[in-house]
Amino acid sequence: AELKRDLKVIKGNKLNLGNYHALLIAVEEYDNFERLKSPIKDVSRISKILTNRYNFKTQILKNPSRRSLLKKLNEYSKNLTLSDNFILYFAGHGVQKSNEGFWLTVEAEKISDIDWVSNNTIVRKLREMKANNILVMADTCFAGTLTRGIRSKNKNNQDTPVKKLNET
């Protein structure tokens, strides 16, 4: 009975699951950090899989500056709707400072955090998006700090998997 209450009747067998978007960010040619070998190859493969198998609209940012990365996130924030689904993927260097994780863009410096993108900034940008579902994948050091401290409950006021993951 409880399951029936939660199910919606779909007329004409047409289920609208929305549009699927992915922003795939790869940084491998750093000005001030060791060059990485595979981020661009990785995002190219991911893009092909998402596009060919799952009909995603993908965009790849290769070696972006901090400004161009944030500008692109702002575009998604402006254009995504409640029926959209969004994947954000980042492959590149990451650092931790004062118990916070940062994504490093191409111009990042070791001794100055001016061009570092904080996990808090990423979380804030994601909260501004209207997408129905958002998935973040970060192939970087200190990516785990991205979800620490997020207090999330579902519509039944139960802990979500993100909260449970943070507890482990």
C-alpha atoms as a PDB file:
ATOM      1  CA  ALA A   1       0.000   0.000   0.000  1.00  0.00           C
ATOM      2  CA  GLU A   2       2.834   2.373   0.868  1.00  0.00           C
ATOM      3  CA  LEU A   3       4.564   1.713  -2.466  1.00  0.00           C
ATOM      4  CA  LYS A   4       1.355   2.349  -4.415  1.00  0.00           C
ATOM      5  CA  ARG A   5       0.979   5.692  -2.684  1.00  0.00           C
ATOM      6  CA  ASP A   6       4.450   6.761  -3.850  1.00  0.00           C
ATOM      7  CA  LEU A   7       4.044   5.616  -7.460  1.00  0.00           C
ATOM      8  CA  LYS A   8       2.713   7.965 -10.115  1.00  0.00           C
ATOM      9  CA  VAL A   9       0.569   6.662 -12.957  1.00  0.00           C
ATOM     10  CA  ILE A  10       2.254   7.286 -16.285  1.00  0.00           C
ATOM     11  CA  LYS A  11      -0.176   7.676 -19.161  1.00  0.00           C
ATOM     12  CA  GLY A  12       0.754   6.539 -22.657  1.00  0.00           C
ATOM     13  CA  ASN A  13       3.998   4.928 -21.416  1.00  0.00           C
ATOM     14  CA  LYS A  14       5.805   8.246 -21.839  1.00  0.00           C
ATOM     15  CA  LEU A  15       8.177   8.927 -19.017  1.00  0.00           C
ATOM     16  CA  ASN A  16       9.963  12.275 -19.100  1.00  0.00           C
ATOM     17  CA  LEU A  17      13.252  11.856 -17.268  1.00  0.00           C
ATOM     18  CA  GLY A  18      14.545  15.240 -18.386  1.00  0.00           C
ATOM     19  CA  ASN A  19      17.738  16.175 -20.176  1.00  0.00           C
ATOM     20  CA  TYR A  20      21.146  14.860 -19.242  1.00  0.00           C
ATOM     21  CA  HIS A  21      24.138  17.202 -19.072  1.00  0.00           C
ATOM     22  CA  ALA A  22      27.762  16.649 -18.078  1.00  0.00           C
ATOM     23  CA  LEU A  23      30.594  19.095 -17.539  1.00  0.00           C
ATOM     24  CA  LEU A  24      33.872  17.195 -17.704  1.00  0.00           C
ATOM     25  CA  ILE A  25      36.926  19.109 -16.508  1.00  0.00           C
ATOM     26  CA  ALA A  26      40.475  17.894 -17.134  1.00  0.00           C
ATOM     27  CA  VAL A  27      43.605  19.659 -15.968  1.00  0.00           C
ATOM     28  CA  GLU A  28      46.933  18.107 -16.861  1.00  0.00           C
ATOM     29  CA  GLU A  29      49.221  20.894 -18.088  1.00  0.00           C
ATOM     30  CA  TYR A  30      49.897  22.931 -14.955  1.00  0.00           C
ATOM     31  CA  ASP A  31      52.046  26.054 -14.918  1.00  0.00           C
ATOM     32  CA  ASN A  32      53.366  25.408 -11.390  1.00  0.00           C
ATOM     33  CA  PHE A  33      52.608  21.762 -10.571  1.00  0.00           C
ATOM     34  CA  GLU A  34      53.682  18.432 -11.990  1.00  0.00           C
ATOM     35  CA  ARG A  35      52.000  17.585 -15.287  1.00  0.00           C
ATOM     36  CA  LEU A  36      49.419  14.794 -15.124  1.00  0.00           C
ATOM     37  CA  LYS A  37      49.265  12.079 -17.790  1.00  0.00           C
ATOM     38  CA  SER A  38      45.647  11.060 -18.290  1.00  0.00           C
ATOM     39  CA  PRO A  39      42.918  13.583 -17.343  1.00  0.00           C
ATOM     40  CA  ILE A  40      42.189  14.691 -20.913  1.00  0.00           C
ATOM     41  CA  LYS A  41      42.162  11.112 -22.186  1.00  0.00           C
ATOM     42  CA  ASP A  42      39.902  10.127 -19.276  1.00  0.00           C
ATOM     43  CA  VAL A  43      37.310  12.854 -19.878  1.00  0.00           C
ATOM     44  CA  SER A  44      37.297  12.102 -23.601  1.00  0.00           C
ATOM     45  CA  ARG A  45      36.432   8.475 -22.860  1.00  0.00           C
ATOM     46  CA  ILE A  46      33.799   9.444 -20.310  1.00  0.00           C
ATOM     47  CA  SER A  47      32.274  11.911 -22.772  1.00  0.00           C
ATOM     48  CA  LYS A  48      31.979   9.237 -25.471  1.00  0.00           C
ATOM     49  CA  ILE A  49      30.321   6.798 -23.080  1.00  0.00           C
ATOM     50  CA  LEU A  50      27.873   9.371 -21.712  1.00  0.00           C
ATOM     51  CA  THR A  51      27.016  10.665 -25.177  1.00  0.00           C
ATOM     52  CA  ASN A  52      26.765   7.383 -27.076  1.00  0.00           C
ATOM     53  CA  ARG A  53      25.202   5.148 -24.441  1.00  0.00           C
ATOM     54  CA  TYR A  54      23.149   7.557 -22.349  1.00  0.00           C
ATOM     55  CA  ASN A  55      22.356  10.546 -24.613  1.00  0.00           C
ATOM     56  CA  PHE A  56      24.132  13.096 -22.437  1.00  0.00           C
ATOM     57  CA  LYS A  57      25.017  16.529 -23.740  1.00  0.00           C
ATOM     58  CA  THR A  58      28.636  16.829 -22.664  1.00  0.00           C
ATOM     59  CA  GLN A  59      31.086  19.698 -22.543  1.00  0.00           C
ATOM     60  CA  ILE A  60      34.782  19.242 -21.910  1.00  0.00           C
ATOM     61  CA  LEU A  61      36.956  21.924 -20.330  1.00  0.00           C
ATOM     62  CA  LYS A  62      40.640  21.213 -20.977  1.00  0.00           C
ATOM     63  CA  ASN A  63      43.182  22.923 -18.741  1.00  0.00           C
ATOM     64  CA  PRO A  64      40.809  25.695 -17.642  1.00  0.00           C
ATOM     65  CA  SER A  65      41.669  28.731 -15.589  1.00  0.00           C
ATOM     66  CA  ARG A  66      39.806  29.306 -12.332  1.00  0.00           C
ATOM     67  CA  ARG A  67      37.775  32.015 -14.018  1.00  0.00           C
ATOM     68  CA  SER A  68      36.725  29.855 -16.980  1.00  0.00           C
ATOM     69  CA  LEU A  69      35.779  26.936 -14.706  1.00  0.00           C
ATOM     70  CA  LEU A  70      33.560  29.131 -12.516  1.00  0.00           C
ATOM     71  CA  LYS A  71      32.103  30.894 -15.546  1.00  0.00           C
ATOM     72  CA  LYS A  72      31.075  27.538 -17.015  1.00  0.00           C
ATOM     73  CA  LEU A  73      29.460  26.470 -13.714  1.00  0.00           C
ATOM     74  CA  ASN A  74      27.549  29.764 -13.695  1.00  0.00           C
ATOM     75  CA  GLU A  75      26.244  28.996 -17.199  1.00  0.00           C
ATOM     76  CA  TYR A  76      24.932  25.636 -16.062  1.00  0.00           C
ATOM     77  CA  SER A  77      23.385  27.247 -13.000  1.00  0.00           C
ATOM     78  CA  LYS A  78      21.570  29.714 -15.231  1.00  0.00           C
ATOM     79  CA  ASN A  79      20.417  27.185 -17.848  1.00  0.00           C
ATOM     80  CA  LEU A  80      19.575  23.946 -16.023  1.00  0.00           C
ATOM     81  CA  THR A  81      15.943  23.313 -15.114  1.00  0.00           C
ATOM     82  CA  LEU A  82      14.211  21.176 -12.508  1.00  0.00           C
ATOM     83  CA  SER A  83      13.780  18.397 -15.067  1.00  0.00           C
ATOM     84  CA  ASP A  84      17.506  18.257 -15.919  1.00  0.00           C
ATOM     85  CA  ASN A  85      20.183  15.922 -14.617  1.00  0.00           C
ATOM     86  CA  PHE A  86      23.794  17.026 -14.244  1.00  0.00           C
ATOM     87  CA  ILE A  87      27.194  15.395 -13.820  1.00  0.00           C
ATOM     88  CA  LEU A  88      30.238  17.403 -12.796  1.00  0.00           C
ATOM     89  CA  TYR A  89      33.541  15.562 -13.255  1.00  0.00           C
ATOM     90  CA  PHE A  90      36.943  16.977 -12.321  1.00  0.00           C
ATOM     91  CA  ALA A  91      40.288  15.306 -12.957  1.00  0.00           C
ATOM     92  CA  GLY A  92      43.364  17.175 -11.781  1.00  0.00           C
ATOM     93  CA  HIS A  93      45.471  18.109  -8.799  1.00  0.00           C
ATOM     94  CA  GLY A  94      43.899  18.868  -5.443  1.00  0.00           C
ATOM     95  CA  VAL A  95      45.311  20.219  -2.193  1.00  0.00           C
ATOM     96  CA  GLN A  96      44.128  20.706   1.353  1.00  0.00           C
ATOM     97  CA  LYS A  97      44.600  23.826   3.448  1.00  0.00           C
ATOM     98  CA  SER A  98      43.023  24.598   6.816  1.00  0.00           C
ATOM     99  CA  ASN A  99      41.008  21.390   6.660  1.00  0.00           C
ATOM    100  CA  GLU A 100      39.427  22.312   3.317  1.00  0.00           C
ATOM    101  CA  GLY A 101      39.957  20.735  -0.086  1.00  0.00           C
ATOM    102  CA  PHE A 102      40.688  22.683  -3.264  1.00  0.00           C
ATOM    103  CA  TRP A 103      40.671  21.866  -6.987  1.00  0.00           C
ATOM    104  CA  LEU A 104      43.676  23.282  -8.803  1.00  0.00           C
ATOM    105  CA  THR A 105      43.284  24.928 -12.173  1.00  0.00           C
ATOM    106  CA  VAL A 106      46.027  25.405 -14.752  1.00  0.00           C
ATOM    107  CA  GLU A 107      47.432  28.645 -13.296  1.00  0.00           C
ATOM    108  CA  ALA A 108      47.362  27.567  -9.629  1.00  0.00           C
ATOM    109  CA  GLU A 109      50.473  28.339  -7.599  1.00  0.00           C
ATOM    110  CA  LYS A 110      51.888  26.295  -4.743  1.00  0.00           C
ATOM    111  CA  ILE A 111      52.354  29.184  -2.332  1.00  0.00           C
ATOM    112  CA  SER A 112      49.273  31.257  -3.170  1.00  0.00           C
ATOM    113  CA  ASP A 113      45.667  30.060  -3.053  1.00  0.00           C
ATOM    114  CA  ILE A 114      44.275  32.859  -5.248  1.00  0.00           C
ATOM    115  CA  ASP A 115      43.592  30.524  -8.178  1.00  0.00           C
ATOM    116  CA  TRP A 116      42.514  27.490  -6.166  1.00  0.00           C
ATOM    117  CA  VAL A 117      38.821  26.507  -6.333  1.00  0.00           C
ATOM    118  CA  SER A 118      37.556  25.556  -2.884  1.00  0.00           C
ATOM    119  CA  ASN A 119      35.221  22.645  -2.354  1.00  0.00           C
ATOM    120  CA  ASN A 120      32.936  25.120  -0.576  1.00  0.00           C
ATOM    121  CA  THR A 121      32.722  27.148  -3.781  1.00  0.00           C
ATOM    122  CA  ILE A 122      31.863  24.021  -5.773  1.00  0.00           C
ATOM    123  CA  VAL A 123      29.141  23.068  -3.271  1.00  0.00           C
ATOM    124  CA  ARG A 124      27.703  26.599  -3.374  1.00  0.00           C
ATOM    125  CA  LYS A 125      27.627  26.562  -7.185  1.00  0.00           C
ATOM    126  CA  LEU A 126      25.874  23.175  -7.156  1.00  0.00           C
ATOM    127  CA  ARG A 127      23.272  24.448  -4.691  1.00  0.00           C
ATOM    128  CA  GLU A 128      22.471  27.280  -7.102  1.00  0.00           C
ATOM    129  CA  MET A 129      21.628  24.774  -9.848  1.00  0.00           C
ATOM    130  CA  LYS A 130      18.018  23.815 -10.395  1.00  0.00           C
ATOM    131  CA  ALA A 131      18.784  20.315 -11.708  1.00  0.00           C
ATOM    132  CA  ASN A 132      16.723  17.426 -10.381  1.00  0.00           C
ATOM    133  CA  ASN A 133      19.762  15.183  -9.910  1.00  0.00           C
ATOM    134  CA  ILE A 134      23.407  16.180  -9.548  1.00  0.00           C
ATOM    135  CA  LEU A 135      26.360  13.814  -9.425  1.00  0.00           C
ATOM    136  CA  VAL A 136      29.891  15.005  -8.658  1.00  0.00           C
ATOM    137  CA  MET A 137      32.939  12.872  -9.417  1.00  0.00           C
ATOM    138  CA  ALA A 138      36.316  14.251  -8.417  1.00  0.00           C
ATOM    139  CA  ASP A 139      39.478  12.401  -9.409  1.00  0.00           C
ATOM    140  CA  THR A 140      41.756  14.496  -7.231  1.00  0.00           C
ATOM    141  CA  CYS A 141      43.469  14.463  -3.864  1.00  0.00           C
ATOM    142  CA  PHE A 142      41.300  15.611  -0.944  1.00  0.00           C
ATOM    143  CA  ALA A 143      38.063  15.089  -2.897  1.00  0.00           C
ATOM    144  CA  GLY A 144      36.567  13.546   0.239  1.00  0.00           C
ATOM    145  CA  THR A 145      36.402  16.951   1.882  1.00  0.00           C
ATOM    146  CA  LEU A 146      33.807  17.922  -0.735  1.00  0.00           C
ATOM    147  CA  THR A 147      30.951  16.223   1.139  1.00  0.00           C
ATOM    148  CA  ARG A 148      32.135  16.482   4.732  1.00  0.00           C
ATOM    149  CA  GLY A 149      29.765  18.555   6.764  1.00  0.00           C
ATOM    150  CA  ILE A 150      26.866  18.413   4.313  1.00  0.00           C
ATOM    151  CA  ARG A 151      23.680  17.929   6.290  1.00  0.00           C
ATOM    152  CA  SER A 152      21.202  16.364   3.951  1.00  0.00           C
ATOM    153  CA  LYS A 153      17.794  14.807   4.553  1.00  0.00           C
ATOM    154  CA  ASN A 154      15.311  13.378   2.066  1.00  0.00           C
ATOM    155  CA  LYS A 155      11.637  14.338   1.905  1.00  0.00           C
ATOM    156  CA  ASN A 156      10.860  11.925   4.773  1.00  0.00           C
ATOM    157  CA  ASN A 157      13.497  13.629   6.964  1.00  0.00           C
ATOM    158  CA  GLN A 158      15.731  10.555   6.773  1.00  0.00           C
ATOM    159  CA  ASP A 159      19.481  10.678   6.384  1.00  0.00           C
ATOM    160  CA  THR A 160      20.604  10.516   2.771  1.00  0.00           C
ATOM    161  CA  PRO A 161      23.417   8.314   1.457  1.00  0.00           C
ATOM    162  CA  VAL A 162      25.735  11.360   1.448  1.00  0.00           C
ATOM    163  CA  LYS A 163      25.329  11.773   5.210  1.00  0.00           C
ATOM    164  CA  LYS A 164      25.784   8.064   5.792  1.00  0.00           C
ATOM    165  CA  LEU A 165      28.905   8.066   3.604  1.00  0.00           C
ATOM    166  CA  ASN A 166      30.381  10.904   5.665  1.00  0.00           C
ATOM    167  CA  GLU A 167      29.890   8.896   8.835  1.00  0.00           C
ATOM    168  CA  THR A 168      32.129   6.051   7.632  1.00  0.00           C
END
